[in-house]
Amino acid sequence: MSQVLSEAAARRFGGRGRPLGAVAAVLGSFSVLSVLPAPPAVAAGTAADHLTVTVRHAGAGRDGVYELSCHPGAGSHPDVGGACRVLDQNTRWGHDTFAPVAPGSACTMLYGGPATAHVTGTWAGRPVDATYDRSNGCEIGRWNRMVPLLPDFGP
């Protein structure tokens, strides 16, 4: 059995500067593992990755409420394949795919219009409740990273 010990745990158990074997001897038969929780199980017949995208004030042909399922792709979204692809590309283990702009970010005072979007549902086994707007350069960049999940406003 392999033994995994975090650096902080090694310090706590007097392992600083000692090889893992010496620390393991201090711990005896215990193994210290750092384990991330598994995503919740999905009921049979339901999509694990299902989102509802509500777009407002984006203009004719863009406003609406769209359903999107990925893996397999389905729904009323106008570009199911593209939306699922951009979500997969933006998904990284340990990072929130839908994270808001970090507080205190320096953003250009560029206004991208009144469009807003609200994305809810489940993605990668996690609940999603994210809002998007185009109120400044950071928010526009965040929006653009999610095109075609969100409508494209072009260059």
C-alpha atoms as a PDB file:
ATOM      1  CA  MET A   1       0.000   0.000   0.000  1.00  0.00           C
ATOM      2  CA  SER A   2       1.422   3.359  -0.953  1.00  0.00           C
ATOM      3  CA  GLN A   3       1.472   6.077   1.633  1.00  0.00           C
ATOM      4  CA  VAL A   4       0.651   9.650   0.679  1.00  0.00           C
ATOM      5  CA  LEU A   5       1.316  12.468   3.096  1.00  0.00           C
ATOM      6  CA  SER A   6       0.758  16.166   2.584  1.00  0.00           C
ATOM      7  CA  GLU A   7       3.591  18.520   3.507  1.00  0.00           C
ATOM      8  CA  ALA A   8       1.422  20.127   6.205  1.00  0.00           C
ATOM      9  CA  ALA A   9       0.600  16.714   7.693  1.00  0.00           C
ATOM     10  CA  ALA A  10       4.284  15.778   7.637  1.00  0.00           C
ATOM     11  CA  ARG A  11       5.114  18.919   9.649  1.00  0.00           C
ATOM     12  CA  ARG A  12       2.293  18.168  12.086  1.00  0.00           C
ATOM     13  CA  PHE A  13       3.673  14.705  12.712  1.00  0.00           C
ATOM     14  CA  GLY A  14       7.307  15.773  13.040  1.00  0.00           C
ATOM     15  CA  GLY A  15       8.238  14.822   9.509  1.00  0.00           C
ATOM     16  CA  ARG A  16      10.004  17.988   8.437  1.00  0.00           C
ATOM     17  CA  GLY A  17      13.229  17.004   6.778  1.00  0.00           C
ATOM     18  CA  ARG A  18      12.540  13.310   7.269  1.00  0.00           C
ATOM     19  CA  PRO A  19      11.860  10.856   4.470  1.00  0.00           C
ATOM     20  CA  LEU A  20       8.280   9.662   4.061  1.00  0.00           C
ATOM     21  CA  GLY A  21       9.224   6.295   5.607  1.00  0.00           C
ATOM     22  CA  ALA A  22      10.315   8.000   8.830  1.00  0.00           C
ATOM     23  CA  VAL A  23       7.073   9.959   8.973  1.00  0.00           C
ATOM     24  CA  ALA A  24       5.097   6.796   8.239  1.00  0.00           C
ATOM     25  CA  ALA A  25       6.841   5.162  11.187  1.00  0.00           C
ATOM     26  CA  VAL A  26       5.585   8.002  13.391  1.00  0.00           C
ATOM     27  CA  LEU A  27       2.073   7.443  12.077  1.00  0.00           C
ATOM     28  CA  GLY A  28       2.206   3.702  12.576  1.00  0.00           C
ATOM     29  CA  SER A  29      -0.323   1.839  10.472  1.00  0.00           C
ATOM     30  CA  PHE A  30      -2.280   4.940   9.469  1.00  0.00           C
ATOM     31  CA  SER A  31      -2.203   6.385   5.968  1.00  0.00           C
ATOM     32  CA  VAL A  32      -2.957  10.046   5.451  1.00  0.00           C
ATOM     33  CA  LEU A  33      -4.657  10.657   2.121  1.00  0.00           C
ATOM     34  CA  SER A  34      -5.851  13.840   0.535  1.00  0.00           C
ATOM     35  CA  VAL A  35      -9.008  12.894  -1.324  1.00  0.00           C
ATOM     36  CA  LEU A  36     -11.382  15.145  -3.238  1.00  0.00           C
ATOM     37  CA  PRO A  37     -15.055  14.224  -2.892  1.00  0.00           C
ATOM     38  CA  ALA A  38     -16.608  12.367  -5.796  1.00  0.00           C
ATOM     39  CA  PRO A  39     -19.366  14.144  -7.704  1.00  0.00           C
ATOM     40  CA  PRO A  40     -22.861  13.113  -6.669  1.00  0.00           C
ATOM     41  CA  ALA A  41     -24.355  10.092  -8.380  1.00  0.00           C
ATOM     42  CA  VAL A  42     -26.759  10.745 -11.223  1.00  0.00           C
ATOM     43  CA  ALA A  43     -30.123   9.009 -11.397  1.00  0.00           C
ATOM     44  CA  ALA A  44     -30.607   6.637 -14.297  1.00  0.00           C
ATOM     45  CA  GLY A  45     -32.150   8.322 -17.322  1.00  0.00           C
ATOM     46  CA  THR A  46     -31.026  11.865 -16.429  1.00  0.00           C
ATOM     47  CA  ALA A  47     -28.199  13.869 -17.965  1.00  0.00           C
ATOM     48  CA  ALA A  48     -25.313  14.591 -15.622  1.00  0.00           C
ATOM     49  CA  ASP A  49     -24.541  17.805 -17.496  1.00  0.00           C
ATOM     50  CA  HIS A  50     -27.784  19.740 -17.938  1.00  0.00           C
ATOM     51  CA  LEU A  51     -28.020  23.530 -18.034  1.00  0.00           C
ATOM     52  CA  THR A  52     -30.740  26.112 -18.563  1.00  0.00           C
ATOM     53  CA  VAL A  53     -29.453  29.292 -20.222  1.00  0.00           C
ATOM     54  CA  THR A  54     -31.645  32.409 -19.994  1.00  0.00           C
ATOM     55  CA  VAL A  55     -30.517  35.285 -22.225  1.00  0.00           C
ATOM     56  CA  ARG A  56     -32.069  38.760 -21.966  1.00  0.00           C
ATOM     57  CA  HIS A  57     -31.518  42.098 -23.721  1.00  0.00           C
ATOM     58  CA  ALA A  58     -29.202  40.531 -26.331  1.00  0.00           C
ATOM     59  CA  GLY A  59     -31.490  41.290 -29.261  1.00  0.00           C
ATOM     60  CA  ALA A  60     -33.757  39.454 -31.652  1.00  0.00           C
ATOM     61  CA  GLY A  61     -32.740  35.874 -32.283  1.00  0.00           C
ATOM     62  CA  ARG A  62     -30.531  35.807 -29.199  1.00  0.00           C
ATOM     63  CA  ASP A  63     -32.953  36.314 -26.312  1.00  0.00           C
ATOM     64  CA  GLY A  64     -34.672  33.268 -24.882  1.00  0.00           C
ATOM     65  CA  VAL A  65     -34.513  30.311 -22.550  1.00  0.00           C
ATOM     66  CA  TYR A  66     -32.489  27.368 -23.835  1.00  0.00           C
ATOM     67  CA  GLU A  67     -32.044  23.876 -22.449  1.00  0.00           C
ATOM     68  CA  LEU A  68     -28.714  22.128 -22.944  1.00  0.00           C
ATOM     69  CA  SER A  69     -27.602  18.611 -22.091  1.00  0.00           C
ATOM     70  CA  CYS A  70     -24.107  17.317 -22.807  1.00  0.00           C
ATOM     71  CA  HIS A  71     -22.693  13.800 -22.797  1.00  0.00           C
ATOM     72  CA  PRO A  72     -24.764  13.105 -24.901  1.00  0.00           C
ATOM     73  CA  GLY A  73     -25.668  16.464 -26.438  1.00  0.00           C
ATOM     74  CA  ALA A  74     -29.330  17.452 -26.667  1.00  0.00           C
ATOM     75  CA  GLY A  75     -31.722  20.315 -25.997  1.00  0.00           C
ATOM     76  CA  SER A  76     -33.223  23.470 -27.446  1.00  0.00           C
ATOM     77  CA  HIS A  77     -29.927  25.420 -27.463  1.00  0.00           C
ATOM     78  CA  PRO A  78     -29.187  26.719 -31.001  1.00  0.00           C
ATOM     79  CA  ASP A  79     -25.668  25.178 -31.016  1.00  0.00           C
ATOM     80  CA  VAL A  80     -25.679  22.104 -28.761  1.00  0.00           C
ATOM     81  CA  GLY A  81     -22.375  20.734 -30.079  1.00  0.00           C
ATOM     82  CA  GLY A  82     -20.523  24.045 -29.866  1.00  0.00           C
ATOM     83  CA  ALA A  83     -21.899  24.866 -26.416  1.00  0.00           C
ATOM     84  CA  CYS A  84     -20.872  21.458 -25.042  1.00  0.00           C
ATOM     85  CA  ARG A  85     -17.412  21.817 -26.626  1.00  0.00           C
ATOM     86  CA  VAL A  86     -16.759  25.235 -25.066  1.00  0.00           C
ATOM     87  CA  LEU A  87     -17.911  23.962 -21.677  1.00  0.00           C
ATOM     88  CA  ASP A  88     -15.590  20.957 -21.928  1.00  0.00           C
ATOM     89  CA  GLN A  89     -12.691  23.229 -22.968  1.00  0.00           C
ATOM     90  CA  ASN A  90     -13.277  25.538 -19.984  1.00  0.00           C
ATOM     91  CA  THR A  91     -13.663  22.769 -17.413  1.00  0.00           C
ATOM     92  CA  ARG A  92     -10.579  22.145 -15.248  1.00  0.00           C
ATOM     93  CA  TRP A  93     -10.438  19.941 -12.165  1.00  0.00           C
ATOM     94  CA  GLY A  94     -10.468  22.108  -9.051  1.00  0.00           C
ATOM     95  CA  HIS A  95     -11.616  25.285 -10.859  1.00  0.00           C
ATOM     96  CA  ASP A  96     -15.141  26.673 -11.117  1.00  0.00           C
ATOM     97  CA  THR A  97     -16.032  26.739 -14.821  1.00  0.00           C
ATOM     98  CA  PHE A  98     -18.572  29.499 -14.148  1.00  0.00           C
ATOM     99  CA  ALA A  99     -16.560  31.536 -11.607  1.00  0.00           C
ATOM    100  CA  PRO A 100     -17.312  35.257 -11.473  1.00  0.00           C
ATOM    101  CA  VAL A 101     -14.648  37.877 -12.117  1.00  0.00           C
ATOM    102  CA  ALA A 102     -12.380  38.020  -9.072  1.00  0.00           C
ATOM    103  CA  PRO A 103     -13.096  40.923  -6.711  1.00  0.00           C
ATOM    104  CA  GLY A 104     -10.591  43.743  -7.118  1.00  0.00           C
ATOM    105  CA  SER A 105      -9.770  42.853 -10.749  1.00  0.00           C
ATOM    106  CA  ALA A 106      -8.581  45.781 -12.865  1.00  0.00           C
ATOM    107  CA  CYS A 107     -11.071  45.917 -15.736  1.00  0.00           C
ATOM    108  CA  THR A 108     -11.316  48.248 -18.699  1.00  0.00           C
ATOM    109  CA  MET A 109     -14.320  50.548 -18.610  1.00  0.00           C
ATOM    110  CA  LEU A 110     -15.607  49.174 -21.892  1.00  0.00           C
ATOM    111  CA  TYR A 111     -19.372  48.719 -22.068  1.00  0.00           C
ATOM    112  CA  GLY A 112     -20.546  45.766 -24.146  1.00  0.00           C
ATOM    113  CA  GLY A 113     -24.276  46.457 -24.031  1.00  0.00           C
ATOM    114  CA  PRO A 114     -27.240  45.491 -21.860  1.00  0.00           C
ATOM    115  CA  ALA A 115     -27.183  41.709 -22.538  1.00  0.00           C
ATOM    116  CA  THR A 116     -27.413  39.430 -19.521  1.00  0.00           C
ATOM    117  CA  ALA A 117     -27.448  35.670 -19.106  1.00  0.00           C
ATOM    118  CA  HIS A 118     -28.311  33.360 -16.251  1.00  0.00           C
ATOM    119  CA  VAL A 119     -27.017  29.783 -16.339  1.00  0.00           C
ATOM    120  CA  THR A 120     -28.442  27.222 -13.917  1.00  0.00           C
ATOM    121  CA  GLY A 121     -28.359  23.459 -13.611  1.00  0.00           C
ATOM    122  CA  THR A 122     -25.625  20.885 -13.139  1.00  0.00           C
ATOM    123  CA  TRP A 123     -22.222  20.714 -14.788  1.00  0.00           C
ATOM    124  CA  ALA A 124     -19.529  18.109 -14.014  1.00  0.00           C
ATOM    125  CA  GLY A 125     -21.618  16.909 -11.082  1.00  0.00           C
ATOM    126  CA  ARG A 126     -21.751  20.357  -9.467  1.00  0.00           C
ATOM    127  CA  PRO A 127     -24.658  22.784  -9.168  1.00  0.00           C
ATOM    128  CA  VAL A 128     -24.476  25.888 -11.363  1.00  0.00           C
ATOM    129  CA  ASP A 129     -26.082  29.277 -10.719  1.00  0.00           C
ATOM    130  CA  ALA A 130     -24.090  31.886 -12.632  1.00  0.00           C
ATOM    131  CA  THR A 131     -24.948  35.304 -14.023  1.00  0.00           C
ATOM    132  CA  TYR A 132     -23.217  37.037 -16.903  1.00  0.00           C
ATOM    133  CA  ASP A 133     -23.308  40.589 -18.257  1.00  0.00           C
ATOM    134  CA  ARG A 134     -21.188  42.765 -20.522  1.00  0.00           C
ATOM    135  CA  SER A 135     -20.697  45.738 -18.180  1.00  0.00           C
ATOM    136  CA  ASN A 136     -16.888  46.025 -18.453  1.00  0.00           C
ATOM    137  CA  GLY A 137     -13.862  44.457 -20.133  1.00  0.00           C
ATOM    138  CA  CYS A 138     -13.531  41.652 -17.574  1.00  0.00           C
ATOM    139  CA  GLU A 139     -17.198  40.694 -17.842  1.00  0.00           C
ATOM    140  CA  ILE A 140     -17.042  40.842 -21.648  1.00  0.00           C
ATOM    141  CA  GLY A 141     -14.009  38.515 -21.568  1.00  0.00           C
ATOM    142  CA  ARG A 142     -15.808  36.140 -19.205  1.00  0.00           C
ATOM    143  CA  TRP A 143     -18.841  36.156 -21.523  1.00  0.00           C
ATOM    144  CA  ASN A 144     -16.712  35.609 -24.637  1.00  0.00           C
ATOM    145  CA  ARG A 145     -15.014  32.558 -23.087  1.00  0.00           C
ATOM    146  CA  MET A 146     -18.461  30.935 -23.007  1.00  0.00           C
ATOM    147  CA  VAL A 147     -19.427  31.607 -26.646  1.00  0.00           C
ATOM    148  CA  PRO A 148     -21.309  29.710 -28.168  1.00  0.00           C
ATOM    149  CA  LEU A 149     -22.979  28.703 -24.880  1.00  0.00           C
ATOM    150  CA  LEU A 150     -23.774  32.441 -24.706  1.00  0.00           C
ATOM    151  CA  PRO A 151     -24.591  34.479 -27.840  1.00  0.00           C
ATOM    152  CA  ASP A 152     -21.692  35.803 -29.892  1.00  0.00           C
ATOM    153  CA  PHE A 153     -21.517  39.570 -30.341  1.00  0.00           C
ATOM    154  CA  GLY A 154     -18.610  39.382 -32.793  1.00  0.00           C
ATOM    155  CA  PRO A 155     -15.451  41.512 -32.870  1.00  0.00           C
END
